[in-house]
Amino acid sequence: MPVARTRSVALIGLAGSIVEVEADLSAQLPGFVIIGLPDAALGEARERVRSAAVNAGCPLPQRKLTVNLSPAALPKHGSGFDLAVALACLAAAGEISATSIDRVVHLGELGLDGRLRPVDGILPAVLAAARAGHDTVMVPEANAAEASLVPGIEVIGVASLLEAAIRHGGEYEQRAVEPVPAAVRPGLVEPVGGGDLADVAGNDGAVDALLTAAAGGHHLFLLGPPGAGKTMLASRLPGILPDLDSDAALEVASIRSLSGRPLNGGLSTRPPFEAPHHTASAAAIIGGGSRLIRPGAAVRASHGVLFLDEAPEFPSAVLDVLRQPLESGSISIHRANAVASFPARFQLVIAANPCPCGNHGVKDADCTCSPMARRRYLARISGPLLDRIDLQVDVPRVTAAALRVAQERPGLSSSDARARVVAARAAAGERLRGTPWRTNSEMPGPWLRGAGRLHPGGRATVALDRALERGGITMRGYDRVLKTSWTIADLEGAAVPTREHVGRALFLRKGVNP
């Protein structure tokens, strides 16, 4: 009996590799062996597949079955190979067409009753199949809508192993089967950035900083007492960011799929918003796992906003794991048998109180914290991390006078702010045409000062040069001030940053007064 072959996909991070599933039927004592570096969940497919085939009405022959997953050195995880394994075994037994299954990539988990259960990561798996040159995939019916988001792929949604076997030429009696619905995770709570920017009363300086952060893709640090509006400001940032392009929307959807989160009917063009609690571990922030590597909050915030409220309450080691992603825009998680890479180009917004009691610097409020306690509290946010944050802004409490002014004169709305941000990003995109960068924050410092010829020079940078000479800022900080000055110039429609723009950018960099 010839060897029957079909294909499935092994995911490591967002990257998928095509796995050839080979089945051989031999005239030996009945048995079922899976080889090719399967994990425990995949090794248990022997019992799932045999029981599912019997209960579906297309039993496997009582002979020795050997299934090989090739390439054998590639780690394979999870139960998404069940459908491919079952169909390869049926084709090896001559029950279905071996030619038919060889043309299709199969993904799905089998229940003991023969029904197909949805699996996480269908979207990146189908993307991997498309990039490898395959044009047809068979998936559980509950995953069909998600798989159809990949252009140029024919998606076959099936409810059971029996239906899949019949589609591949099996001569079985059709049975009516109720499809397994998509998994519901009642404990999953997703943060949502919402509300209109016009709701922010007073704090015009902080609103301007938020607009600058959105226009240039800059990171933002908000320092102020409780009730000053730091969380409100951060939650408004996603609403003033531009819509995602098709590639970014597909990448965001792939990350959601791999994380087991619903896509809610299709691709979303709005930037994601993640706000992990301060008890989150380093693995929860960047991702991890001993066998199956899952993305963390920083990865899920790609092309959007990662907001860390009460940042000094996070362990310092957890905050410092963000230093490398802020520079590279990606996260690599190394394990003994695999390295998973994820995108991590997000905007970081951190908020902090000025001291443990929160009243330092507040008029008519008594601060009970000693100078040493204040210093120790804010020192939990390390200097190297702060050096990577372009905008550092004091957010004072709103006074009654400022509140009356805000009621009489409404502030900038999110729709108007987004229009200004889109125009500023268009100016930056035109300037950066022909480069791999699209926002000012992405420009490398050496290119900015050298080949890019974007250093304003002359009197415009006198104060900035003086701050570098005195040691007030680092070389990284120098470059980041230049990038921010270009963003401010883009917002104001200026062709080149002026001395005022550079001074404003320097103030936004050093404006925090702990």
Protein backbone atom coordinates (compact mmCIF):
# COMPACT_ATOMS: atom_id res chain seq x y z
CA MET A 1 0.00 0.00 0.00
CA PRO A 2 1.57 3.36 -0.99
CA VAL A 3 2.20 6.08 1.56
CA ALA A 4 -0.57 8.72 1.69
CA ARG A 5 0.38 12.35 2.21
CA THR A 6 -1.33 15.57 3.15
CA ARG A 7 -0.22 18.78 4.82
CA SER A 8 -0.79 20.85 7.92
CA VAL A 9 0.92 23.86 9.54
CA ALA A 10 3.20 24.10 12.59
CA LEU A 11 3.23 27.55 14.23
CA ILE A 12 6.20 28.93 16.16
CA GLY A 13 5.18 32.41 17.17
CA LEU A 14 3.49 34.02 14.18
CA ALA A 15 5.68 32.12 11.73
CA GLY A 16 4.18 28.97 10.23
CA SER A 17 5.92 26.07 8.55
CA ILE A 18 4.26 23.53 6.27
CA VAL A 19 4.36 20.05 7.77
CA GLU A 20 3.95 17.00 5.54
CA VAL A 21 1.79 14.36 7.24
CA GLU A 22 2.62 10.88 5.90
CA ALA A 23 0.69 7.73 6.81
CA ASP A 24 1.78 4.16 6.13
CA LEU A 25 -0.39 1.05 6.62
CA SER A 26 1.44 -2.24 7.16
CA ALA A 27 0.33 -5.85 7.70
CA GLN A 28 1.43 -6.12 11.32
CA LEU A 29 -0.29 -6.31 14.67
CA PRO A 30 -2.74 -3.40 15.16
CA GLY A 31 -1.05 -0.27 16.41
CA PHE A 32 -0.82 3.47 15.92
CA VAL A 33 2.48 5.36 16.09
CA ILE A 34 3.11 9.08 15.51
CA ILE A 35 6.72 10.13 14.94
CA GLY A 36 8.34 13.43 14.02
CA LEU A 37 8.86 15.33 17.32
CA PRO A 38 5.22 15.68 18.48
CA ASP A 39 4.42 17.22 21.87
CA ALA A 40 2.17 15.52 24.43
CA ALA A 41 -1.07 16.94 22.98
CA LEU A 42 -0.13 15.81 19.49
CA GLY A 43 1.01 12.40 20.76
CA GLU A 44 -2.46 11.89 22.24
CA ALA A 45 -3.92 12.27 18.74
CA ARG A 46 -3.61 8.48 18.39
CA GLU A 47 -6.57 7.90 20.70
CA ARG A 48 -8.55 10.93 19.51
CA VAL A 49 -8.25 10.00 15.84
CA ARG A 50 -9.10 6.31 16.26
CA SER A 51 -12.14 6.99 18.48
CA ALA A 52 -13.32 9.91 16.30
CA ALA A 53 -13.10 7.76 13.16
CA VAL A 54 -15.17 4.96 14.72
CA ASN A 55 -17.86 7.31 16.07
CA ALA A 56 -18.00 9.32 12.84
CA GLY A 57 -18.73 6.20 10.80
CA CYS A 58 -15.41 5.90 8.93
CA PRO A 59 -13.31 3.56 11.11
CA LEU A 60 -9.60 2.99 10.59
CA PRO A 61 -8.40 -0.51 9.66
CA GLN A 62 -7.18 -2.76 12.49
CA ARG A 63 -3.59 -2.84 11.26
CA LYS A 64 -0.31 -1.10 12.03
CA LEU A 65 -0.50 2.64 11.23
CA THR A 66 2.64 4.77 11.23
CA VAL A 67 2.27 8.53 10.86
CA ASN A 68 5.34 10.68 10.21
CA LEU A 69 5.38 14.46 10.59
CA SER A 70 8.04 15.92 8.34
CA PRO A 71 10.40 17.74 8.75
CA ALA A 72 11.06 15.58 11.79
CA ALA A 73 13.38 18.10 13.49
CA LEU A 74 10.70 20.82 13.59
CA PRO A 75 8.81 20.98 16.93
CA LYS A 76 5.06 20.43 16.53
CA HIS A 77 2.53 21.50 19.13
CA GLY A 78 -1.16 21.18 19.83
CA SER A 79 -4.14 19.29 18.49
CA GLY A 80 -4.52 21.14 15.19
CA PHE A 81 -2.93 18.23 13.29
CA ASP A 82 -5.78 15.80 14.12
CA LEU A 83 -7.69 16.27 10.88
CA ALA A 84 -4.58 15.86 8.70
CA VAL A 85 -3.54 12.71 10.60
CA ALA A 86 -6.99 11.12 10.32
CA LEU A 87 -7.35 11.83 6.58
CA ALA A 88 -3.84 10.58 5.82
CA CYS A 89 -4.66 7.31 7.62
CA LEU A 90 -7.95 6.89 5.70
CA ALA A 91 -6.14 7.58 2.40
CA ALA A 92 -3.44 5.03 3.26
CA ALA A 93 -6.22 2.48 3.81
CA GLY A 94 -7.68 3.33 0.40
CA GLU A 95 -10.94 4.69 1.84
CA ILE A 96 -10.54 8.19 0.36
CA SER A 97 -8.59 9.72 -2.52
CA ALA A 98 -4.88 10.16 -1.77
CA THR A 99 -4.61 12.60 -4.68
CA SER A 100 -7.39 14.78 -3.26
CA ILE A 101 -5.91 15.15 0.23
CA ASP A 102 -2.46 15.85 -1.22
CA ARG A 103 -3.75 19.13 -2.69
CA VAL A 104 -5.28 20.49 0.53
CA VAL A 105 -3.83 21.81 3.79
CA HIS A 106 -5.82 20.45 6.75
CA LEU A 107 -6.23 22.12 10.16
CA GLY A 108 -8.49 21.14 13.03
CA GLU A 109 -8.93 19.21 16.28
CA LEU A 110 -11.13 16.13 16.52
CA GLY A 111 -13.56 15.37 19.29
CA LEU A 112 -14.27 11.79 20.27
CA ASP A 113 -17.65 12.03 18.55
CA GLY A 114 -15.96 12.79 15.22
CA ARG A 115 -16.86 16.47 15.13
CA LEU A 116 -14.22 19.08 14.34
CA ARG A 117 -13.43 21.59 17.06
CA PRO A 118 -12.03 25.07 16.33
CA VAL A 119 -8.40 25.78 17.15
CA ASP A 120 -6.47 28.98 17.94
CA GLY A 121 -4.09 30.46 15.42
CA ILE A 122 -6.08 29.60 12.27
CA LEU A 123 -5.42 32.97 10.63
CA PRO A 124 -1.58 32.90 10.88
CA ALA A 125 -1.63 29.21 9.89
CA VAL A 126 -3.66 29.91 6.74
CA LEU A 127 -1.39 32.88 5.97
CA ALA A 128 1.62 30.56 6.22
CA ALA A 129 -0.07 28.10 3.85
CA ALA A 130 -0.79 30.87 1.34
CA ARG A 131 2.79 32.16 1.48
CA ALA A 132 4.05 28.61 0.89
CA GLY A 133 2.07 28.48 -2.36
CA HIS A 134 -1.00 26.48 -1.32
CA ASP A 135 -4.43 27.65 -2.42
CA THR A 136 -6.88 25.37 -0.57
CA VAL A 137 -7.34 24.74 3.15
CA MET A 138 -9.85 22.63 5.07
CA VAL A 139 -10.74 23.90 8.55
CA PRO A 140 -13.44 23.42 11.19
CA GLU A 141 -16.64 25.21 10.30
CA ALA A 142 -16.30 27.53 13.30
CA ASN A 143 -12.91 28.73 11.92
CA ALA A 144 -14.05 29.15 8.30
CA ALA A 145 -14.92 32.85 8.54
CA GLU A 146 -11.55 33.64 10.11
CA ALA A 147 -9.64 31.62 7.51
CA SER A 148 -11.52 33.44 4.72
CA LEU A 149 -9.84 36.71 5.72
CA VAL A 150 -6.72 35.58 3.85
CA PRO A 151 -7.06 36.68 0.20
CA GLY A 152 -6.58 34.18 -2.58
CA ILE A 153 -7.32 31.08 -0.51
CA GLU A 154 -10.19 28.63 -1.04
CA VAL A 155 -11.55 27.71 2.39
CA ILE A 156 -13.50 24.49 2.95
CA GLY A 157 -15.31 24.49 6.28
CA VAL A 158 -16.39 21.07 7.56
CA ALA A 159 -18.26 20.06 10.69
CA SER A 160 -16.95 16.50 11.11
CA LEU A 161 -14.37 13.99 10.03
CA LEU A 162 -17.11 12.15 8.10
CA GLU A 163 -17.92 15.25 6.04
CA ALA A 164 -14.22 15.79 5.34
CA ALA A 165 -13.82 12.17 4.22
CA ILE A 166 -16.84 12.39 1.90
CA ARG A 167 -15.45 15.61 0.34
CA HIS A 168 -12.27 13.68 -0.45
CA GLY A 169 -14.11 10.88 -2.25
CA GLY A 170 -15.04 8.59 0.64
CA GLU A 171 -18.10 6.44 -0.01
CA TYR A 172 -19.83 6.80 3.34
CA GLU A 173 -23.41 7.46 4.36
CA GLN A 174 -23.90 11.15 5.09
CA ARG A 175 -25.03 12.04 8.61
CA ALA A 176 -26.41 15.31 9.91
CA VAL A 177 -23.94 16.78 12.42
CA GLU A 178 -24.31 19.87 14.58
CA PRO A 179 -21.10 21.93 14.15
CA VAL A 180 -19.08 22.75 17.24
CA PRO A 181 -19.47 26.50 17.88
CA ALA A 182 -16.57 28.84 18.43
CA ALA A 183 -15.10 28.67 21.92
CA VAL A 184 -16.42 31.16 24.45
CA ARG A 185 -14.01 32.39 27.12
CA PRO A 186 -16.15 34.06 29.79
CA GLY A 187 -13.13 35.09 31.87
CA LEU A 188 -11.57 37.10 29.05
CA VAL A 189 -11.79 40.85 29.69
CA GLU A 190 -10.34 43.11 27.04
CA PRO A 191 -9.40 46.73 27.80
CA VAL A 192 -11.00 49.20 25.46
CA GLY A 193 -9.60 52.62 24.73
CA GLY A 194 -12.59 54.87 24.23
CA GLY A 195 -14.25 58.18 24.87
CA ASP A 196 -13.78 61.48 23.12
CA LEU A 197 -10.74 63.69 23.62
CA ALA A 198 -13.11 66.62 24.17
CA ASP A 199 -14.09 65.00 27.50
CA VAL A 200 -10.69 65.98 28.92
CA ALA A 201 -11.23 69.18 30.92
CA GLY A 202 -8.24 71.49 31.19
CA ASN A 203 -4.66 70.16 30.93
CA ASP A 204 -4.14 71.66 27.47
CA GLY A 205 -0.42 70.92 27.73
CA ALA A 206 -1.06 67.21 28.27
CA VAL A 207 -3.55 67.16 25.38
CA ASP A 208 -0.92 68.76 23.10
CA ALA A 209 1.59 66.13 24.22
CA LEU A 210 -0.94 63.40 23.44
CA LEU A 211 -1.46 64.88 19.97
CA THR A 212 2.30 64.97 19.41
CA ALA A 213 2.64 61.36 20.55
CA ALA A 214 -0.06 60.25 18.11
CA ALA A 215 1.34 62.23 15.17
CA GLY A 216 4.88 60.91 15.49
CA GLY A 217 4.35 57.52 17.11
CA HIS A 218 6.24 58.66 20.22
CA HIS A 219 6.19 57.03 23.66
CA LEU A 220 4.66 59.04 26.53
CA PHE A 221 5.17 59.31 30.29
CA LEU A 222 2.42 61.00 32.32
CA LEU A 223 3.32 62.04 35.88
CA GLY A 224 0.70 63.51 38.17
CA PRO A 225 -1.41 63.06 41.31
CA PRO A 226 -4.45 60.77 41.46
CA GLY A 227 -7.47 62.22 39.70
CA ALA A 228 -5.47 64.44 37.35
CA GLY A 229 -6.73 62.59 34.27
CA LYS A 230 -3.74 60.42 33.31
CA THR A 231 -5.82 57.30 32.63
CA MET A 232 -8.43 59.32 30.73
CA LEU A 233 -5.74 60.80 28.50
CA ALA A 234 -4.16 57.41 27.80
CA SER A 235 -7.49 55.82 26.92
CA ARG A 236 -8.12 58.59 24.34
CA LEU A 237 -4.88 57.94 22.45
CA PRO A 238 -6.17 54.99 20.31
CA GLY A 239 -9.12 57.15 19.22
CA ILE A 240 -6.90 59.79 17.62
CA LEU A 241 -4.54 57.36 15.87
CA PRO A 242 -5.03 56.76 12.11
CA ASP A 243 -6.72 53.62 10.83
CA LEU A 244 -4.50 50.60 10.23
CA ASP A 245 -3.57 49.69 6.67
CA SER A 246 -4.47 46.22 5.36
CA ASP A 247 -1.13 44.60 6.25
CA ALA A 248 -1.17 45.97 9.80
CA ALA A 249 -4.82 44.97 10.29
CA LEU A 250 -4.04 41.43 9.13
CA GLU A 251 -1.07 41.22 11.50
CA VAL A 252 -3.16 42.47 14.43
CA ALA A 253 -5.87 39.94 13.59
CA SER A 254 -3.28 37.14 13.40
CA ILE A 255 -2.01 38.01 16.87
CA ARG A 256 -5.56 38.02 18.22
CA SER A 257 -6.18 34.63 16.62
CA LEU A 258 -3.01 33.16 18.12
CA SER A 259 -4.01 34.58 21.51
CA GLY A 260 -7.40 32.86 21.35
CA ARG A 261 -9.34 36.13 21.12
CA PRO A 262 -12.38 36.47 18.84
CA LEU A 263 -12.06 38.59 15.70
CA ASN A 264 -15.67 39.78 16.03
CA GLY A 265 -16.64 39.35 12.41
CA GLY A 266 -13.56 40.39 10.47
CA LEU A 267 -10.52 42.63 10.27
CA SER A 268 -10.58 45.71 12.45
CA THR A 269 -8.82 48.82 11.21
CA ARG A 270 -8.64 50.44 14.64
CA PRO A 271 -5.40 50.24 16.66
CA PRO A 272 -5.46 47.81 19.63
CA PHE A 273 -5.23 48.95 23.25
CA GLU A 274 -3.68 46.85 26.02
CA ALA A 275 -3.63 47.81 29.70
CA PRO A 276 -2.19 44.98 31.84
CA HIS A 277 -2.54 45.11 35.63
CA HIS A 278 0.54 45.97 37.66
CA THR A 279 0.64 42.41 39.03
CA ALA A 280 1.47 41.09 35.52
CA SER A 281 4.63 39.03 35.18
CA ALA A 282 7.36 39.50 32.58
CA ALA A 283 5.96 36.52 30.64
CA ALA A 284 2.49 38.13 30.65
CA ILE A 285 3.97 41.32 29.20
CA ILE A 286 6.22 39.94 26.45
CA GLY A 287 4.87 36.38 26.09
CA GLY A 288 6.17 32.94 26.89
CA GLY A 289 5.28 29.36 27.68
CA SER A 290 7.28 26.20 28.23
CA ARG A 291 6.00 24.36 25.15
CA LEU A 292 3.50 26.48 23.19
CA ILE A 293 4.80 30.07 23.11
CA ARG A 294 1.99 32.60 23.42
CA PRO A 295 2.16 36.36 22.77
CA GLY A 296 2.04 38.77 25.70
CA ALA A 297 0.45 42.19 26.15
CA ALA A 298 3.28 44.01 24.35
CA VAL A 299 2.77 41.82 21.28
CA ARG A 300 -1.02 42.18 21.37
CA ALA A 301 -0.49 45.98 21.45
CA SER A 302 1.41 45.95 18.13
CA HIS A 303 0.31 48.84 15.89
CA GLY A 304 -1.54 50.25 18.89
CA VAL A 305 -1.05 51.37 22.49
CA LEU A 306 0.40 49.59 25.53
CA PHE A 307 -0.68 51.46 28.68
CA LEU A 308 0.98 50.76 32.03
CA ASP A 309 -1.01 52.52 34.75
CA GLU A 310 0.63 52.95 38.16
CA ALA A 311 3.95 52.06 36.52
CA PRO A 312 6.06 52.18 39.73
CA GLU A 313 3.86 49.38 41.12
CA PHE A 314 5.16 47.04 38.39
CA PRO A 315 8.30 45.11 39.39
CA SER A 316 11.36 46.82 37.94
CA ALA A 317 12.38 43.63 36.14
CA VAL A 318 9.00 43.55 34.37
CA LEU A 319 9.33 47.15 33.18
CA ASP A 320 12.87 46.61 31.96
CA VAL A 321 11.90 43.74 29.65
CA LEU A 322 10.33 46.45 27.45
CA ARG A 323 13.65 48.17 26.78
CA GLN A 324 14.69 45.91 23.90
CA PRO A 325 11.27 45.86 22.14
CA LEU A 326 11.11 49.67 22.31
CA GLU A 327 14.34 49.82 20.29
CA SER A 328 13.86 46.93 17.85
CA GLY A 329 10.08 46.76 17.42
CA SER A 330 10.11 42.97 17.84
CA ILE A 331 10.29 40.33 20.55
CA SER A 332 12.19 37.04 20.33
CA ILE A 333 11.43 34.40 22.94
CA HIS A 334 14.11 31.72 23.19
CA ARG A 335 13.38 28.22 24.40
CA ALA A 336 15.51 25.08 24.34
CA ASN A 337 13.90 23.70 21.19
CA ALA A 338 12.58 26.82 19.42
CA VAL A 339 12.81 30.57 19.01
CA ALA A 340 9.53 32.43 18.50
CA SER A 341 9.54 35.94 17.06
CA PHE A 342 6.66 38.39 17.38
CA PRO A 343 6.10 41.96 16.19
CA ALA A 344 6.10 44.53 18.97
CA ARG A 345 5.96 47.99 17.40
CA PHE A 346 3.63 49.71 19.84
CA GLN A 347 3.31 53.08 21.54
CA LEU A 348 4.13 52.87 25.22
CA VAL A 349 2.21 55.11 27.61
CA ILE A 350 3.13 54.90 31.29
CA ALA A 351 1.47 56.79 34.12
CA ALA A 352 2.73 57.35 37.65
CA ASN A 353 1.93 59.26 40.80
CA PRO A 354 4.67 61.61 42.04
CA CYS A 355 5.03 59.69 45.32
CA PRO A 356 3.46 56.75 47.18
CA CYS A 357 0.73 58.92 48.72
CA GLY A 358 0.21 60.83 45.48
CA ASN A 359 0.08 64.33 47.02
CA HIS A 360 3.60 65.60 46.38
CA GLY A 361 3.43 68.98 44.70
CA VAL A 362 -0.35 69.30 45.10
CA LYS A 363 -1.47 72.65 46.48
CA ASP A 364 -3.26 72.51 49.85
CA ALA A 365 -2.55 68.77 50.18
CA ASP A 366 -0.18 67.25 52.70
CA CYS A 367 2.39 64.80 51.39
CA THR A 368 3.38 62.23 54.01
CA CYS A 369 6.30 60.84 51.98
CA SER A 370 9.93 61.60 52.78
CA PRO A 371 12.26 62.75 49.98
CA MET A 372 13.94 59.34 50.10
CA ALA A 373 10.58 57.56 49.76
CA ARG A 374 9.67 59.70 46.74
CA ARG A 375 13.02 59.03 45.11
CA ARG A 376 12.81 55.30 45.80
CA TYR A 377 9.26 55.16 44.44
CA LEU A 378 10.01 56.76 41.06
CA ALA A 379 13.38 54.97 40.81
CA ARG A 380 11.40 51.78 40.13
CA ILE A 381 11.11 53.17 36.58
CA SER A 382 14.71 52.78 35.51
CA GLY A 383 16.70 55.51 33.80
CA PRO A 384 17.39 53.40 30.67
CA LEU A 385 13.63 52.86 30.23
CA LEU A 386 12.84 56.55 30.70
CA ASP A 387 15.58 57.43 28.22
CA ARG A 388 13.57 55.59 25.56
CA ILE A 389 10.41 57.63 26.23
CA ASP A 390 10.27 60.73 24.03
CA LEU A 391 7.61 62.76 25.87
CA GLN A 392 7.60 63.15 29.65
CA VAL A 393 4.79 65.37 30.86
CA ASP A 394 3.52 66.68 34.20
CA VAL A 395 -0.27 66.36 34.54
CA PRO A 396 -1.53 68.63 37.36
CA ARG A 397 -4.97 68.43 38.90
CA VAL A 398 -7.60 70.52 37.15
CA THR A 399 -8.55 73.69 39.01
CA ALA A 400 -12.06 75.08 39.30
CA ALA A 401 -11.11 77.99 37.05
CA ALA A 402 -9.80 75.64 34.35
CA LEU A 403 -12.98 73.56 34.65
CA ARG A 404 -15.18 76.63 34.08
CA VAL A 405 -13.12 77.58 31.02
CA ALA A 406 -13.44 74.02 29.67
CA GLN A 407 -17.23 74.12 30.09
CA GLU A 408 -17.45 77.42 28.21
CA ARG A 409 -14.98 76.45 25.49
CA PRO A 410 -15.08 72.75 24.52
CA GLY A 411 -11.71 71.14 23.87
CA LEU A 412 -10.38 69.44 20.77
CA SER A 413 -12.55 66.49 19.71
CA SER A 414 -11.12 63.10 18.79
CA SER A 415 -12.27 63.42 15.17
CA ASP A 416 -10.57 66.81 14.74
CA ALA A 417 -7.44 65.55 16.51
CA ARG A 418 -7.31 62.48 14.28
CA ALA A 419 -7.56 64.68 11.17
CA ARG A 420 -4.54 66.68 12.37
CA VAL A 421 -2.65 63.48 13.15
CA VAL A 422 -3.40 62.02 9.71
CA ALA A 423 -2.19 65.21 8.02
CA ALA A 424 1.02 65.26 10.08
CA ARG A 425 1.71 61.59 9.33
CA ALA A 426 1.10 62.23 5.65
CA ALA A 427 3.77 64.95 5.71
CA ALA A 428 6.19 62.61 7.47
CA GLY A 429 5.36 59.79 5.04
CA GLU A 430 6.10 62.04 2.07
CA ARG A 431 9.43 63.07 3.60
CA LEU A 432 10.36 59.45 4.35
CA ARG A 433 9.31 58.08 0.96
CA GLY A 434 11.80 55.52 -0.26
CA THR A 435 12.82 54.50 3.27
CA PRO A 436 11.52 51.62 5.42
CA TRP A 437 10.12 54.10 7.98
CA ARG A 438 6.73 55.78 8.06
CA THR A 439 6.69 57.83 11.28
CA ASN A 440 9.20 60.22 12.81
CA SER A 441 9.78 58.01 15.84
CA GLU A 442 11.03 55.17 13.61
CA MET A 443 13.88 57.17 12.06
CA PRO A 444 17.32 55.95 13.24
CA GLY A 445 19.44 58.66 14.84
CA PRO A 446 22.53 58.23 12.64
CA TRP A 447 20.39 58.41 9.49
CA LEU A 448 18.52 61.42 10.86
CA ARG A 449 21.76 63.30 11.49
CA GLY A 450 23.61 61.97 8.44
CA ALA A 451 22.24 60.51 5.23
CA GLY A 452 18.73 61.76 5.94
CA ARG A 453 19.96 65.38 6.16
CA LEU A 454 17.12 66.16 8.56
CA HIS A 455 19.20 67.85 11.25
CA PRO A 456 17.94 71.46 11.40
CA GLY A 457 21.39 72.74 12.42
CA GLY A 458 22.32 76.35 13.08
CA ARG A 459 20.58 78.36 15.79
CA ALA A 460 17.64 75.93 15.88
CA THR A 461 19.55 73.40 17.96
CA VAL A 462 21.65 75.67 20.20
CA ALA A 463 19.72 74.77 23.36
CA LEU A 464 19.74 71.09 22.44
CA ASP A 465 23.49 71.08 21.83
CA ARG A 466 24.04 72.83 25.17
CA ALA A 467 21.92 70.24 26.98
CA LEU A 468 24.02 67.45 25.44
CA GLU A 469 27.28 69.14 26.43
CA ARG A 470 26.11 69.57 30.03
CA GLY A 471 25.04 65.93 30.25
CA GLY A 472 21.38 66.86 30.62
CA ILE A 473 20.44 64.40 27.88
CA THR A 474 22.07 61.36 26.32
CA MET A 475 22.87 60.89 22.66
CA ARG A 476 19.72 58.77 22.38
CA GLY A 477 17.78 61.59 23.99
CA TYR A 478 19.34 64.07 21.55
CA ASP A 479 18.06 62.05 18.59
CA ARG A 480 14.63 61.64 20.14
CA VAL A 481 14.30 65.39 20.69
CA LEU A 482 15.11 65.94 17.02
CA LYS A 483 12.44 63.42 16.00
CA THR A 484 9.87 65.11 18.25
CA SER A 485 10.74 68.52 16.80
CA TRP A 486 9.96 67.19 13.32
CA THR A 487 6.60 65.93 14.59
CA ILE A 488 5.77 69.33 16.08
CA ALA A 489 6.76 70.98 12.80
CA ASP A 490 4.54 68.55 10.86
CA LEU A 491 1.57 69.36 13.12
CA GLU A 492 2.07 73.07 12.46
CA GLY A 493 2.67 72.64 8.73
CA ALA A 494 6.28 73.88 8.88
CA ALA A 495 8.80 72.68 6.30
CA VAL A 496 11.71 72.50 8.78
CA PRO A 497 11.79 72.57 12.60
CA THR A 498 12.55 76.00 13.99
CA ARG A 499 14.25 76.97 17.24
CA GLU A 500 10.83 77.13 18.89
CA HIS A 501 9.95 73.60 17.72
CA VAL A 502 13.22 72.18 19.05
CA GLY A 503 12.76 74.06 22.33
CA ARG A 504 9.23 72.70 22.70
CA ALA A 505 10.48 69.17 21.98
CA LEU A 506 13.25 69.57 24.56
CA PHE A 507 10.71 70.77 27.13
CA LEU A 508 8.48 67.77 26.42
CA ARG A 509 11.52 65.56 26.91
CA LYS A 510 12.59 67.12 30.20
CA GLY A 511 9.32 68.65 31.38
CA VAL A 512 8.69 66.17 34.21
CA ASN A 513 9.68 67.50 37.60
CA PRO A 514 9.47 64.61 40.11
